[in-house]
Amino acid sequence: MTKTVLIAGKFQNGAGLSGYVAEISSAFCCASLGIVPTVRHADYIGSWLEVMREDSRAIVRAASLASKAADWLLAHLPGDSTDVERQTPTEGRAAA
C-alpha cells in the first residue's frame, strides 16, 4: 500500500493511503448493511481529492482495495447469512 504524507504543505505519496482505503471500505460496509454514514465520512474522503487529482490511478487502486476489504469483512459477519439480506459492496454499486 502507498502512504501519502504532508510535507512542506504538499501531499507526498508513500505508505498511508490505508486510511483512505479504510474509510471507503467503511462507506461500502455501511451501504451494504443499510447504515447511514455520518458527514465526517464524506468530509474525510473529500479531503483526499487533491491527492487523487495528482495521481489519477490512486482512486481506482484505493476503491479496488476498499471493495476487497469490505467484501471480506461482510463475508465474515457472525450468524447465518440468510438472517439478514445483504449485498456485497460490488453488488450494491452495480445496482446503483
Foldseek 3Di string as FASTA:
>chain_A
DWCWDQDPNDTDIGRNCVVVLQLLLVVLLCVQQVHDDDVVSVVVNVVCVVVCVVPVCVVVVSNVSSLVVNQVVVVPDDDDCVVDDTDRSVVSVVVD
